Amino acid sequence: MKRAIFASLGGLMLLLGMIGIVTPLLPTVPFLILAAWCFGESSPRLEAWMLNHPRFGPSLRRWREQGASPRRAKWMAVMGMTFGYALFWTQARPGWMLATAVAVLMIGSAAYVVSRPEPVATDS
């Protein structure tokens, strides 16, 4: 049962990551990291497929090995959060409490992203 739940969650995270490729405000990599983790708990074959994927595998392996994120990815993530907050502010017109709560969440998320180390070159 546990394996089926993790496999289903992995499939959902993978789907959200794929949607994020073509949707500007939906992130890709965090969903792929979660998908790889879920598949690691349920299906070694699917986990290996993700880690060896020609496009996403290197980023996933760097995250697992070093907890690292490239500078460009950090910049894109922070810009996406900024754009997302601006869109939220102008379209939803939230009250000051909600606007502040979302801003604090976004700033905390951006600080976490920026604080991740940059990848160190490896032989693999």
PDB file of N, CA and C in Angstrom:
ATOM      1  N   MET A   1       0.819  -1.195   0.000  1.00  0.00           N
ATOM      2  CA  MET A   1       0.000   0.000   0.000  1.00  0.00           C
ATOM      3  C   MET A   1       0.867   1.265   0.000  1.00  0.00           C
ATOM      4  N   LYS A   2       1.916   1.275   0.864  1.00  0.00           N
ATOM      5  CA  LYS A   2       2.823   2.423   0.949  1.00  0.00           C
ATOM      6  C   LYS A   2       3.482   2.684  -0.404  1.00  0.00           C
ATOM      7  N   ARG A   3       3.924   1.627  -1.051  1.00  0.00           N
ATOM      8  CA  ARG A   3       4.578   1.789  -2.362  1.00  0.00           C
ATOM      9  C   ARG A   3       3.621   2.383  -3.381  1.00  0.00           C
ATOM     10  N   ALA A   4       2.366   1.950  -3.362  1.00  0.00           N
ATOM     11  CA  ALA A   4       1.369   2.471  -4.303  1.00  0.00           C
ATOM     12  C   ALA A   4       1.103   3.953  -4.056  1.00  0.00           C
ATOM     13  N   ILE A   5       1.050   4.345  -2.789  1.00  0.00           N
ATOM     14  CA  ILE A   5       0.818   5.755  -2.461  1.00  0.00           C
ATOM     15  C   ILE A   5       1.989   6.604  -2.942  1.00  0.00           C
ATOM     16  N   PHE A   6       3.214   6.159  -2.648  1.00  0.00           N
ATOM     17  CA  PHE A   6       4.383   6.917  -3.088  1.00  0.00           C
ATOM     18  C   PHE A   6       4.504   6.940  -4.611  1.00  0.00           C
ATOM     19  N   ALA A   7       4.175   5.833  -5.269  1.00  0.00           N
ATOM     20  CA  ALA A   7       4.221   5.809  -6.731  1.00  0.00           C
ATOM     21  C   ALA A   7       3.194   6.787  -7.308  1.00  0.00           C
ATOM     22  N   SER A   8       2.008   6.828  -6.720  1.00  0.00           N
ATOM     23  CA  SER A   8       0.973   7.767  -7.182  1.00  0.00           C
ATOM     24  C   SER A   8       1.403   9.209  -6.956  1.00  0.00           C
ATOM     25  N   LEU A   9       1.945   9.485  -5.770  1.00  0.00           N
ATOM     26  CA  LEU A   9       2.434  10.838  -5.503  1.00  0.00           C
ATOM     27  C   LEU A   9       3.581  11.214  -6.442  1.00  0.00           C
ATOM     28  N   GLY A  10       4.462  10.264  -6.709  1.00  0.00           N
ATOM     29  CA  GLY A  10       5.554  10.505  -7.651  1.00  0.00           C
ATOM     30  C   GLY A  10       5.028  10.834  -9.036  1.00  0.00           C
ATOM     31  N   GLY A  11       4.014  10.093  -9.470  1.00  0.00           N
ATOM     32  CA  GLY A  11       3.409  10.380 -10.771  1.00  0.00           C
ATOM     33  C   GLY A  11       2.763  11.758 -10.807  1.00  0.00           C
ATOM     34  N   LEU A  12       2.098  12.134  -9.729  1.00  0.00           N
ATOM     35  CA  LEU A  12       1.476  13.453  -9.653  1.00  0.00           C
ATOM     36  C   LEU A  12       2.535  14.550  -9.682  1.00  0.00           C
ATOM     37  N   MET A  13       3.609  14.381  -8.905  1.00  0.00           N
ATOM     38  CA  MET A  13       4.689  15.376  -8.890  1.00  0.00           C
ATOM     39  C   MET A  13       5.359  15.481 -10.256  1.00  0.00           C
ATOM     40  N   LEU A  14       5.540  14.346 -10.915  1.00  0.00           N
ATOM     41  CA  LEU A  14       6.123  14.352 -12.255  1.00  0.00           C
ATOM     42  C   LEU A  14       5.209  15.099 -13.227  1.00  0.00           C
ATOM     43  N   LEU A  15       3.921  14.849 -13.141  1.00  0.00           N
ATOM     44  CA  LEU A  15       2.963  15.546 -13.999  1.00  0.00           C
ATOM     45  C   LEU A  15       2.998  17.054 -13.742  1.00  0.00           C
ATOM     46  N   LEU A  16       3.000  17.457 -12.473  1.00  0.00           N
ATOM     47  CA  LEU A  16       3.070  18.888 -12.155  1.00  0.00           C
ATOM     48  C   LEU A  16       4.380  19.504 -12.662  1.00  0.00           C
ATOM     49  N   GLY A  17       5.463  18.764 -12.552  1.00  0.00           N
ATOM     50  CA  GLY A  17       6.740  19.250 -13.085  1.00  0.00           C
ATOM     51  C   GLY A  17       6.698  19.430 -14.590  1.00  0.00           C
ATOM     52  N   MET A  18       6.072  18.496 -15.276  1.00  0.00           N
ATOM     53  CA  MET A  18       5.957  18.614 -16.741  1.00  0.00           C
ATOM     54  C   MET A  18       5.066  19.801 -17.126  1.00  0.00           C
ATOM     55  N   ILE A  19       4.009  20.020 -16.372  1.00  0.00           N
ATOM     56  CA  ILE A  19       3.153  21.185 -16.622  1.00  0.00           C
ATOM     57  C   ILE A  19       3.954  22.464 -16.361  1.00  0.00           C
ATOM     58  N   GLY A  20       4.805  22.429 -15.350  1.00  0.00           N
ATOM     59  CA  GLY A  20       5.631  23.589 -15.024  1.00  0.00           C
ATOM     60  C   GLY A  20       6.588  23.980 -16.128  1.00  0.00           C
ATOM     61  N   ILE A  21       6.939  23.049 -16.989  1.00  0.00           N
ATOM     62  CA  ILE A  21       7.834  23.365 -18.104  1.00  0.00           C
ATOM     63  C   ILE A  21       7.191  24.398 -19.022  1.00  0.00           C
ATOM     64  N   VAL A  22       5.898  24.284 -19.234  1.00  0.00           N
ATOM     65  CA  VAL A  22       5.217  25.167 -20.183  1.00  0.00           C
ATOM     66  C   VAL A  22       4.387  26.260 -19.502  1.00  0.00           C
ATOM     67  N   THR A  23       4.296  26.227 -18.171  1.00  0.00           N
ATOM     68  CA  THR A  23       3.519  27.219 -17.433  1.00  0.00           C
ATOM     69  C   THR A  23       4.488  28.136 -16.695  1.00  0.00           C
ATOM     70  N   PRO A  24       4.466  29.430 -16.995  1.00  0.00           N
ATOM     71  CA  PRO A  24       5.473  30.329 -16.425  1.00  0.00           C
ATOM     72  C   PRO A  24       5.514  30.387 -14.896  1.00  0.00           C
ATOM     73  N   LEU A  25       4.395  30.325 -14.209  1.00  0.00           N
ATOM     74  CA  LEU A  25       4.413  30.506 -12.761  1.00  0.00           C
ATOM     75  C   LEU A  25       4.513  29.206 -11.964  1.00  0.00           C
ATOM     76  N   LEU A  26       4.401  28.079 -12.627  1.00  0.00           N
ATOM     77  CA  LEU A  26       4.485  26.793 -11.924  1.00  0.00           C
ATOM     78  C   LEU A  26       5.921  26.286 -12.003  1.00  0.00           C
ATOM     79  N   PRO A  27       6.564  26.036 -10.863  1.00  0.00           N
ATOM     80  CA  PRO A  27       7.955  25.581 -10.910  1.00  0.00           C
ATOM     81  C   PRO A  27       8.062  24.163 -11.451  1.00  0.00           C
ATOM     82  N   THR A  28       9.224  23.831 -11.959  1.00  0.00           N
ATOM     83  CA  THR A  28       9.466  22.498 -12.502  1.00  0.00           C
ATOM     84  C   THR A  28      10.322  21.664 -11.554  1.00  0.00           C
ATOM     85  N   VAL A  29      11.488  22.170 -11.221  1.00  0.00           N
ATOM     86  CA  VAL A  29      12.482  21.384 -10.493  1.00  0.00           C
ATOM     87  C   VAL A  29      12.003  20.918  -9.116  1.00  0.00           C
ATOM     88  N   PRO A  30      11.342  21.760  -8.302  1.00  0.00           N
ATOM     89  CA  PRO A  30      10.903  21.233  -6.997  1.00  0.00           C
ATOM     90  C   PRO A  30       9.971  20.022  -7.135  1.00  0.00           C
ATOM     91  N   PHE A  31       9.099  20.060  -8.134  1.00  0.00           N
ATOM     92  CA  PHE A  31       8.204  18.918  -8.339  1.00  0.00           C
ATOM     93  C   PHE A  31       8.989  17.692  -8.801  1.00  0.00           C
ATOM     94  N   LEU A  32      10.008  17.893  -9.624  1.00  0.00           N
ATOM     95  CA  LEU A  32      10.819  16.759 -10.077  1.00  0.00           C
ATOM     96  C   LEU A  32      11.646  16.177  -8.931  1.00  0.00           C
ATOM     97  N   ILE A  33      12.141  17.046  -8.041  1.00  0.00           N
ATOM     98  CA  ILE A  33      12.872  16.563  -6.864  1.00  0.00           C
ATOM     99  C   ILE A  33      11.945  15.702  -6.003  1.00  0.00           C
ATOM    100  N   LEU A  34      10.732  16.192  -5.790  1.00  0.00           N
ATOM    101  CA  LEU A  34       9.761  15.419  -5.009  1.00  0.00           C
ATOM    102  C   LEU A  34       9.383  14.117  -5.713  1.00  0.00           C
ATOM    103  N   ALA A  35       9.228  14.170  -7.037  1.00  0.00           N
ATOM    104  CA  ALA A  35       8.887  12.953  -7.788  1.00  0.00           C
ATOM    105  C   ALA A  35       9.992  11.911  -7.634  1.00  0.00           C
ATOM    106  N   ALA A  36      11.243  12.340  -7.771  1.00  0.00           N
ATOM    107  CA  ALA A  36      12.362  11.402  -7.640  1.00  0.00           C
ATOM    108  C   ALA A  36      12.391  10.796  -6.240  1.00  0.00           C
ATOM    109  N   TRP A  37      12.127  11.612  -5.219  1.00  0.00           N
ATOM    110  CA  TRP A  37      12.097  11.096  -3.853  1.00  0.00           C
ATOM    111  C   TRP A  37      10.971  10.075  -3.681  1.00  0.00           C
ATOM    112  N   CYS A  38       9.779  10.415  -4.178  1.00  0.00           N
ATOM    113  CA  CYS A  38       8.643   9.486  -4.070  1.00  0.00           C
ATOM    114  C   CYS A  38       8.938   8.184  -4.806  1.00  0.00           C
ATOM    115  N   PHE A  39       9.529   8.287  -5.999  1.00  0.00           N
ATOM    116  CA  PHE A  39       9.864   7.075  -6.740  1.00  0.00           C
ATOM    117  C   PHE A  39      10.956   6.281  -6.025  1.00  0.00           C
ATOM    118  N   GLY A  40      11.844   6.979  -5.317  1.00  0.00           N
ATOM    119  CA  GLY A  40      12.859   6.286  -4.523  1.00  0.00           C
ATOM    120  C   GLY A  40      12.241   5.455  -3.419  1.00  0.00           C
ATOM    121  N   GLU A  41      11.082   5.876  -2.929  1.00  0.00           N
ATOM    122  CA  GLU A  41      10.371   5.139  -1.884  1.00  0.00           C
ATOM    123  C   GLU A  41       9.479   4.033  -2.453  1.00  0.00           C
ATOM    124  N   SER A  42       9.239   4.067  -3.772  1.00  0.00           N
ATOM    125  CA  SER A  42       8.268   3.126  -4.328  1.00  0.00           C
ATOM    126  C   SER A  42       8.796   2.293  -5.490  1.00  0.00           C
ATOM    127  N   SER A  43       9.618   2.886  -6.345  1.00  0.00           N
ATOM    128  CA  SER A  43      10.026   2.191  -7.559  1.00  0.00           C
ATOM    129  C   SER A  43      11.461   2.558  -7.940  1.00  0.00           C
ATOM    130  N   PRO A  44      12.419   1.732  -7.594  1.00  0.00           N
ATOM    131  CA  PRO A  44      13.808   2.013  -7.967  1.00  0.00           C
ATOM    132  C   PRO A  44      13.986   2.207  -9.481  1.00  0.00           C
ATOM    133  N   ARG A  45      13.170   1.525 -10.268  1.00  0.00           N
ATOM    134  CA  ARG A  45      13.265   1.661 -11.726  1.00  0.00           C
ATOM    135  C   ARG A  45      12.895   3.073 -12.166  1.00  0.00           C
ATOM    136  N   LEU A  46      11.793   3.620 -11.641  1.00  0.00           N
ATOM    137  CA  LEU A  46      11.382   4.978 -11.996  1.00  0.00           C
ATOM    138  C   LEU A  46      12.345   6.020 -11.428  1.00  0.00           C
ATOM    139  N   GLU A  47      12.852   5.769 -10.227  1.00  0.00           N
ATOM    140  CA  GLU A  47      13.843   6.675  -9.651  1.00  0.00           C
ATOM    141  C   GLU A  47      15.087   6.717 -10.535  1.00  0.00           C
ATOM    142  N   ALA A  48      15.565   5.562 -10.962  1.00  0.00           N
ATOM    143  CA  ALA A  48      16.747   5.505 -11.831  1.00  0.00           C
ATOM    144  C   ALA A  48      16.476   6.200 -13.163  1.00  0.00           C
ATOM    145  N   TRP A  49      15.275   6.019 -13.701  1.00  0.00           N
ATOM    146  CA  TRP A  49      14.910   6.687 -14.956  1.00  0.00           C
ATOM    147  C   TRP A  49      15.015   8.203 -14.804  1.00  0.00           C
ATOM    148  N   MET A  50      14.503   8.736 -13.696  1.00  0.00           N
ATOM    149  CA  MET A  50      14.563  10.187 -13.483  1.00  0.00           C
ATOM    150  C   MET A  50      15.998  10.657 -13.280  1.00  0.00           C
ATOM    151  N   LEU A  51      16.761   9.936 -12.460  1.00  0.00           N
ATOM    152  CA  LEU A  51      18.133  10.354 -12.178  1.00  0.00           C
ATOM    153  C   LEU A  51      19.037  10.244 -13.399  1.00  0.00           C
ATOM    154  N   ASN A  52      18.682   9.392 -14.354  1.00  0.00           N
ATOM    155  CA  ASN A  52      19.481   9.225 -15.566  1.00  0.00           C
ATOM    156  C   ASN A  52      18.887   9.937 -16.769  1.00  0.00           C
ATOM    157  N   HIS A  53      17.805  10.675 -16.566  1.00  0.00           N
ATOM    158  CA  HIS A  53      17.164  11.398 -17.660  1.00  0.00           C
ATOM    159  C   HIS A  53      18.164  12.410 -18.227  1.00  0.00           C
ATOM    160  N   PRO A  54      18.293  12.485 -19.567  1.00  0.00           N
ATOM    161  CA  PRO A  54      19.301  13.381 -20.146  1.00  0.00           C
ATOM    162  C   PRO A  54      19.080  14.861 -19.809  1.00  0.00           C
ATOM    163  N   ARG A  55      17.862  15.286 -19.644  1.00  0.00           N
ATOM    164  CA  ARG A  55      17.579  16.711 -19.406  1.00  0.00           C
ATOM    165  C   ARG A  55      17.539  17.045 -17.913  1.00  0.00           C
ATOM    166  N   PHE A  56      16.855  16.258 -17.116  1.00  0.00           N
ATOM    167  CA  PHE A  56      16.647  16.578 -15.710  1.00  0.00           C
ATOM    168  C   PHE A  56      17.551  15.819 -14.755  1.00  0.00           C
ATOM    169  N   GLY A  57      18.117  14.719 -15.207  1.00  0.00           N
ATOM    170  CA  GLY A  57      18.948  13.888 -14.343  1.00  0.00           C
ATOM    171  C   GLY A  57      20.109  14.619 -13.684  1.00  0.00           C
ATOM    172  N   PRO A  58      20.906  15.383 -14.452  1.00  0.00           N
ATOM    173  CA  PRO A  58      22.040  16.069 -13.819  1.00  0.00           C
ATOM    174  C   PRO A  58      21.625  17.016 -12.683  1.00  0.00           C
ATOM    175  N   SER A  59      20.547  17.768 -12.873  1.00  0.00           N
ATOM    176  CA  SER A  59      20.079  18.680 -11.821  1.00  0.00           C
ATOM    177  C   SER A  59      19.609  17.903 -10.601  1.00  0.00           C
ATOM    178  N   LEU A  60      18.896  16.813 -10.822  1.00  0.00           N
ATOM    179  CA  LEU A  60      18.405  16.002  -9.702  1.00  0.00           C
ATOM    180  C   LEU A  60      19.567  15.366  -8.938  1.00  0.00           C
ATOM    181  N   ARG A  61      20.557  14.877  -9.670  1.00  0.00           N
ATOM    182  CA  ARG A  61      21.720  14.264  -9.009  1.00  0.00           C
ATOM    183  C   ARG A  61      22.513  15.310  -8.218  1.00  0.00           C
ATOM    184  N   ARG A  62      22.693  16.509  -8.793  1.00  0.00           N
ATOM    185  CA  ARG A  62      23.398  17.578  -8.073  1.00  0.00           C
ATOM    186  C   ARG A  62      22.662  17.935  -6.785  1.00  0.00           C
ATOM    187  N   TRP A  63      21.331  17.983  -6.861  1.00  0.00           N
ATOM    188  CA  TRP A  63      20.558  18.311  -5.663  1.00  0.00           C
ATOM    189  C   TRP A  63      20.751  17.237  -4.599  1.00  0.00           C
ATOM    190  N   ARG A  64      20.691  15.979  -5.024  1.00  0.00           N
ATOM    191  CA  ARG A  64      20.850  14.874  -4.063  1.00  0.00           C
ATOM    192  C   ARG A  64      22.238  14.841  -3.446  1.00  0.00           C
ATOM    193  N   GLU A  65      23.245  15.068  -4.285  1.00  0.00           N
ATOM    194  CA  GLU A  65      24.624  14.948  -3.820  1.00  0.00           C
ATOM    195  C   GLU A  65      25.092  16.171  -3.033  1.00  0.00           C
ATOM    196  N   GLN A  66      24.666  17.367  -3.465  1.00  0.00           N
ATOM    197  CA  GLN A  66      25.232  18.589  -2.906  1.00  0.00           C
ATOM    198  C   GLN A  66      24.197  19.547  -2.324  1.00  0.00           C
ATOM    199  N   GLY A  67      22.908  19.299  -2.565  1.00  0.00           N
ATOM    200  CA  GLY A  67      21.888  20.270  -2.158  1.00  0.00           C
ATOM    201  C   GLY A  67      22.073  21.585  -2.892  1.00  0.00           C
ATOM    202  N   ALA A  68      22.601  21.490  -4.111  1.00  0.00           N
ATOM    203  CA  ALA A  68      23.038  22.670  -4.855  1.00  0.00           C
ATOM    204  C   ALA A  68      22.070  23.049  -5.965  1.00  0.00           C
ATOM    205  N   SER A  69      22.079  24.342  -6.254  1.00  0.00           N
ATOM    206  CA  SER A  69      21.240  24.876  -7.324  1.00  0.00           C
ATOM    207  C   SER A  69      22.063  25.891  -8.117  1.00  0.00           C
ATOM    208  N   PRO A  70      22.066  25.783  -9.438  1.00  0.00           N
ATOM    209  CA  PRO A  70      22.846  26.725 -10.248  1.00  0.00           C
ATOM    210  C   PRO A  70      22.340  28.167 -10.088  1.00  0.00           C
ATOM    211  N   ARG A  71      23.244  29.115 -10.253  1.00  0.00           N
ATOM    212  CA  ARG A  71      22.903  30.529 -10.109  1.00  0.00           C
ATOM    213  C   ARG A  71      21.742  30.922 -11.016  1.00  0.00           C
ATOM    214  N   ARG A  72      21.746  30.460 -12.252  1.00  0.00           N
ATOM    215  CA  ARG A  72      20.668  30.806 -13.187  1.00  0.00           C
ATOM    216  C   ARG A  72      19.319  30.293 -12.687  1.00  0.00           C
ATOM    217  N   ALA A  73      19.306  29.097 -12.130  1.00  0.00           N
ATOM    218  CA  ALA A  73      18.061  28.534 -11.600  1.00  0.00           C
ATOM    219  C   ALA A  73      17.568  29.351 -10.407  1.00  0.00           C
ATOM    220  N   LYS A  74      18.500  29.799  -9.565  1.00  0.00           N
ATOM    221  CA  LYS A  74      18.119  30.638  -8.436  1.00  0.00           C
ATOM    222  C   LYS A  74      17.500  31.944  -8.932  1.00  0.00           C
ATOM    223  N   TRP A  75      18.163  32.551  -9.893  1.00  0.00           N
ATOM    224  CA  TRP A  75      17.678  33.820 -10.448  1.00  0.00           C
ATOM    225  C   TRP A  75      16.285  33.643 -11.040  1.00  0.00           C
ATOM    226  N   MET A  76      16.102  32.584 -11.812  1.00  0.00           N
ATOM    227  CA  MET A  76      14.799  32.331 -12.423  1.00  0.00           C
ATOM    228  C   MET A  76      13.730  32.090 -11.351  1.00  0.00           C
ATOM    229  N   ALA A  77      14.072  31.369 -10.299  1.00  0.00           N
ATOM    230  CA  ALA A  77      13.106  31.089  -9.229  1.00  0.00           C
ATOM    231  C   ALA A  77      12.690  32.381  -8.521  1.00  0.00           C
ATOM    232  N   VAL A  78      13.669  33.218  -8.193  1.00  0.00           N
ATOM    233  CA  VAL A  78      13.355  34.470  -7.494  1.00  0.00           C
ATOM    234  C   VAL A  78      12.551  35.387  -8.404  1.00  0.00           C
ATOM    235  N   MET A  79      12.894  35.451  -9.674  1.00  0.00           N
ATOM    236  CA  MET A  79      12.128  36.285 -10.606  1.00  0.00           C
ATOM    237  C   MET A  79      10.704  35.752 -10.757  1.00  0.00           C
ATOM    238  N   GLY A  80      10.557  34.447 -10.801  1.00  0.00           N
ATOM    239  CA  GLY A  80       9.222  33.853 -10.886  1.00  0.00           C
ATOM    240  C   GLY A  80       8.382  34.173  -9.657  1.00  0.00           C
ATOM    241  N   MET A  81       9.020  34.111  -8.470  1.00  0.00           N
ATOM    242  CA  MET A  81       8.296  34.460  -7.246  1.00  0.00           C
ATOM    243  C   MET A  81       7.894  35.934  -7.249  1.00  0.00           C
ATOM    244  N   THR A  82       8.792  36.781  -7.713  1.00  0.00           N
ATOM    245  CA  THR A  82       8.503  38.215  -7.765  1.00  0.00           C
ATOM    246  C   THR A  82       7.350  38.482  -8.721  1.00  0.00           C
ATOM    247  N   PHE A  83       7.412  37.872  -9.889  1.00  0.00           N
ATOM    248  CA  PHE A  83       6.335  38.038 -10.872  1.00  0.00           C
ATOM    249  C   PHE A  83       5.022  37.477 -10.323  1.00  0.00           C
ATOM    250  N   GLY A  84       5.097  36.328  -9.682  1.00  0.00           N
ATOM    251  CA  GLY A  84       3.901  35.717  -9.100  1.00  0.00           C
ATOM    252  C   GLY A  84       3.279  36.591  -8.028  1.00  0.00           C
ATOM    253  N   TYR A  85       4.122  37.211  -7.186  1.00  0.00           N
ATOM    254  CA  TYR A  85       3.582  38.084  -6.151  1.00  0.00           C
ATOM    255  C   TYR A  85       2.962  39.336  -6.770  1.00  0.00           C
ATOM    256  N   ALA A  86       3.626  39.886  -7.774  1.00  0.00           N
ATOM    257  CA  ALA A  86       3.073  41.074  -8.448  1.00  0.00           C
ATOM    258  C   ALA A  86       1.720  40.741  -9.075  1.00  0.00           C
ATOM    259  N   LEU A  87       1.618  39.591  -9.680  1.00  0.00           N
ATOM    260  CA  LEU A  87       0.354  39.159 -10.279  1.00  0.00           C
ATOM    261  C   LEU A  87      -0.710  38.976  -9.182  1.00  0.00           C
ATOM    262  N   PHE A  88      -0.332  38.352  -8.095  1.00  0.00           N
ATOM    263  CA  PHE A  88      -1.238  38.172  -6.958  1.00  0.00           C
ATOM    264  C   PHE A  88      -1.715  39.534  -6.441  1.00  0.00           C
ATOM    265  N   TRP A  89      -0.789  40.466  -6.267  1.00  0.00           N
ATOM    266  CA  TRP A  89      -1.100  41.785  -5.725  1.00  0.00           C
ATOM    267  C   TRP A  89      -2.064  42.554  -6.629  1.00  0.00           C
ATOM    268  N   THR A  90      -1.800  42.523  -7.942  1.00  0.00           N
ATOM    269  CA  THR A  90      -2.620  43.319  -8.861  1.00  0.00           C
ATOM    270  C   THR A  90      -3.942  42.653  -9.207  1.00  0.00           C
ATOM    271  N   GLN A  91      -3.985  41.342  -9.241  1.00  0.00           N
ATOM    272  CA  GLN A  91      -5.199  40.656  -9.674  1.00  0.00           C
ATOM    273  C   GLN A  91      -6.126  40.293  -8.516  1.00  0.00           C
ATOM    274  N   ALA A  92      -5.562  39.874  -7.407  1.00  0.00           N
ATOM    275  CA  ALA A  92      -6.397  39.456  -6.275  1.00  0.00           C
ATOM    276  C   ALA A  92      -6.754  40.633  -5.365  1.00  0.00           C
ATOM    277  N   ARG A  93      -5.929  41.662  -5.399  1.00  0.00           N
ATOM    278  CA  ARG A  93      -6.133  42.849  -4.548  1.00  0.00           C
ATOM    279  C   ARG A  93      -6.395  42.425  -3.091  1.00  0.00           C
ATOM    280  N   PRO A  94      -5.414  41.743  -2.506  1.00  0.00           N
ATOM    281  CA  PRO A  94      -5.613  41.223  -1.148  1.00  0.00           C
ATOM    282  C   PRO A  94      -5.593  42.336  -0.100  1.00  0.00           C
ATOM    283  N   GLY A  95      -6.177  42.051   1.041  1.00  0.00           N
ATOM    284  CA  GLY A  95      -6.069  42.952   2.177  1.00  0.00           C
ATOM    285  C   GLY A  95      -4.638  42.953   2.689  1.00  0.00           C
ATOM    286  N   TRP A  96      -4.322  43.895   3.556  1.00  0.00           N
ATOM    287  CA  TRP A  96      -2.939  44.038   3.991  1.00  0.00           C
ATOM    288  C   TRP A  96      -2.439  42.822   4.761  1.00  0.00           C
ATOM    289  N   MET A  97      -3.292  42.156   5.511  1.00  0.00           N
ATOM    290  CA  MET A  97      -2.834  40.990   6.285  1.00  0.00           C
ATOM    291  C   MET A  97      -2.453  39.827   5.366  1.00  0.00           C
ATOM    292  N   LEU A  98      -3.306  39.540   4.394  1.00  0.00           N
ATOM    293  CA  LEU A  98      -3.004  38.462   3.458  1.00  0.00           C
ATOM    294  C   LEU A  98      -1.798  38.820   2.599  1.00  0.00           C
ATOM    295  N   ALA A  99      -1.757  40.054   2.116  1.00  0.00           N
ATOM    296  CA  ALA A  99      -0.624  40.497   1.295  1.00  0.00           C
ATOM    297  C   ALA A  99       0.685  40.362   2.065  1.00  0.00           C
ATOM    298  N   THR A 100       0.662  40.725   3.343  1.00  0.00           N
ATOM    299  CA  THR A 100       1.865  40.627   4.177  1.00  0.00           C
ATOM    300  C   THR A 100       2.238  39.171   4.412  1.00  0.00           C
ATOM    301  N   ALA A 101       1.255  38.337   4.706  1.00  0.00           N
ATOM    302  CA  ALA A 101       1.536  36.912   4.945  1.00  0.00           C
ATOM    303  C   ALA A 101       2.148  36.260   3.708  1.00  0.00           C
ATOM    304  N   VAL A 102       1.591  36.547   2.540  1.00  0.00           N
ATOM    305  CA  VAL A 102       2.119  35.973   1.307  1.00  0.00           C
ATOM    306  C   VAL A 102       3.516  36.536   1.024  1.00  0.00           C
ATOM    307  N   ALA A 103       3.722  37.817   1.272  1.00  0.00           N
ATOM    308  CA  ALA A 103       5.042  38.419   1.053  1.00  0.00           C
ATOM    309  C   ALA A 103       6.086  37.768   1.958  1.00  0.00           C
ATOM    310  N   VAL A 104       5.739  37.551   3.221  1.00  0.00           N
ATOM    311  CA  VAL A 104       6.677  36.906   4.154  1.00  0.00           C
ATOM    312  C   VAL A 104       7.007  35.497   3.679  1.00  0.00           C
ATOM    313  N   LEU A 105       6.003  34.751   3.227  1.00  0.00           N
ATOM    314  CA  LEU A 105       6.223  33.402   2.698  1.00  0.00           C
ATOM    315  C   LEU A 105       7.131  33.439   1.469  1.00  0.00           C
ATOM    316  N   MET A 106       6.859  34.365   0.573  1.00  0.00           N
ATOM    317  CA  MET A 106       7.672  34.479  -0.654  1.00  0.00           C
ATOM    318  C   MET A 106       9.113  34.877  -0.328  1.00  0.00           C
ATOM    319  N   ILE A 107       9.282  35.837   0.577  1.00  0.00           N
ATOM    320  CA  ILE A 107      10.629  36.277   0.940  1.00  0.00           C
ATOM    321  C   ILE A 107      11.393  35.132   1.611  1.00  0.00           C
ATOM    322  N   GLY A 108      10.720  34.392   2.479  1.00  0.00           N
ATOM    323  CA  GLY A 108      11.357  33.230   3.106  1.00  0.00           C
ATOM    324  C   GLY A 108      11.753  32.180   2.080  1.00  0.00           C
ATOM    325  N   SER A 109      10.878  31.936   1.122  1.00  0.00           N
ATOM    326  CA  SER A 109      11.176  30.970   0.064  1.00  0.00           C
ATOM    327  C   SER A 109      12.344  31.442  -0.792  1.00  0.00           C
ATOM    328  N   ALA A 110      12.339  32.721  -1.138  1.00  0.00           N
ATOM    329  CA  ALA A 110      13.429  33.273  -1.945  1.00  0.00           C
ATOM    330  C   ALA A 110      14.752  33.198  -1.182  1.00  0.00           C
ATOM    331  N   ALA A 111      14.713  33.489   0.115  1.00  0.00           N
ATOM    332  CA  ALA A 111      15.938  33.413   0.923  1.00  0.00           C
ATOM    333  C   ALA A 111      16.476  31.985   0.946  1.00  0.00           C
ATOM    334  N   TYR A 112      15.577  31.003   1.066  1.00  0.00           N
ATOM    335  CA  TYR A 112      16.013  29.606   1.048  1.00  0.00           C
ATOM    336  C   TYR A 112      16.664  29.262  -0.290  1.00  0.00           C
ATOM    337  N   VAL A 113      16.021  29.655  -1.380  1.00  0.00           N
ATOM    338  CA  VAL A 113      16.556  29.356  -2.714  1.00  0.00           C
ATOM    339  C   VAL A 113      17.933  29.985  -2.890  1.00  0.00           C
ATOM    340  N   VAL A 114      18.060  31.254  -2.533  1.00  0.00           N
ATOM    341  CA  VAL A 114      19.327  31.961  -2.723  1.00  0.00           C
ATOM    342  C   VAL A 114      20.419  31.393  -1.814  1.00  0.00           C
ATOM    343  N   SER A 115      20.033  30.866  -0.657  1.00  0.00           N
ATOM    344  CA  SER A 115      21.032  30.348   0.288  1.00  0.00           C
ATOM    345  C   SER A 115      21.606  28.985  -0.106  1.00  0.00           C
ATOM    346  N   ARG A 116      20.992  28.317  -1.082  1.00  0.00           N
ATOM    347  CA  ARG A 116      21.515  27.015  -1.499  1.00  0.00           C
ATOM    348  C   ARG A 116      22.872  27.213  -2.156  1.00  0.00           C
ATOM    349  N   PRO A 117      23.797  26.283  -1.924  1.00  0.00           N
ATOM    350  CA  PRO A 117      25.122  26.420  -2.557  1.00  0.00           C
ATOM    351  C   PRO A 117      25.011  26.232  -4.070  1.00  0.00           C
ATOM    352  N   GLU A 118      26.016  26.745  -4.761  1.00  0.00           N
ATOM    353  CA  GLU A 118      26.087  26.506  -6.192  1.00  0.00           C
ATOM    354  C   GLU A 118      26.820  25.188  -6.413  1.00  0.00           C
ATOM    355  N   PRO A 119      26.486  24.503  -7.501  1.00  0.00           N
ATOM    356  CA  PRO A 119      27.078  23.173  -7.729  1.00  0.00           C
ATOM    357  C   PRO A 119      28.601  23.243  -7.865  1.00  0.00           C
ATOM    358  N   VAL A 120      29.234  22.211  -7.319  1.00  0.00           N
ATOM    359  CA  VAL A 120      30.668  22.026  -7.468  1.00  0.00           C
ATOM    360  C   VAL A 120      30.865  21.020  -8.586  1.00  0.00           C
ATOM    361  N   ALA A 121      31.789  21.298  -9.486  1.00  0.00           N
ATOM    362  CA  ALA A 121      32.038  20.379 -10.589  1.00  0.00           C
ATOM    363  C   ALA A 121      32.478  19.017 -10.051  1.00  0.00           C
ATOM    364  N   THR A 122      31.914  17.956 -10.631  1.00  0.00           N
ATOM    365  CA  THR A 122      32.291  16.597 -10.242  1.00  0.00           C
ATOM    366  C   THR A 122      32.778  15.865 -11.474  1.00  0.00           C
ATOM    367  N   ASP A 123      33.381  14.723 -11.261  1.00  0.00           N
ATOM    368  CA  ASP A 123      33.916  13.925 -12.376  1.00  0.00           C
ATOM    369  C   ASP A 123      32.829  13.164 -13.119  1.00  0.00           C
ATOM    370  N   SER A 124      31.639  13.016 -12.518  1.00  0.00           N
ATOM    371  CA  SER A 124      30.599  12.182 -13.151  1.00  0.00           C
ATOM    372  C   SER A 124      29.837  12.934 -14.187  1.00  0.00           C
TER     373      SER A 124
END
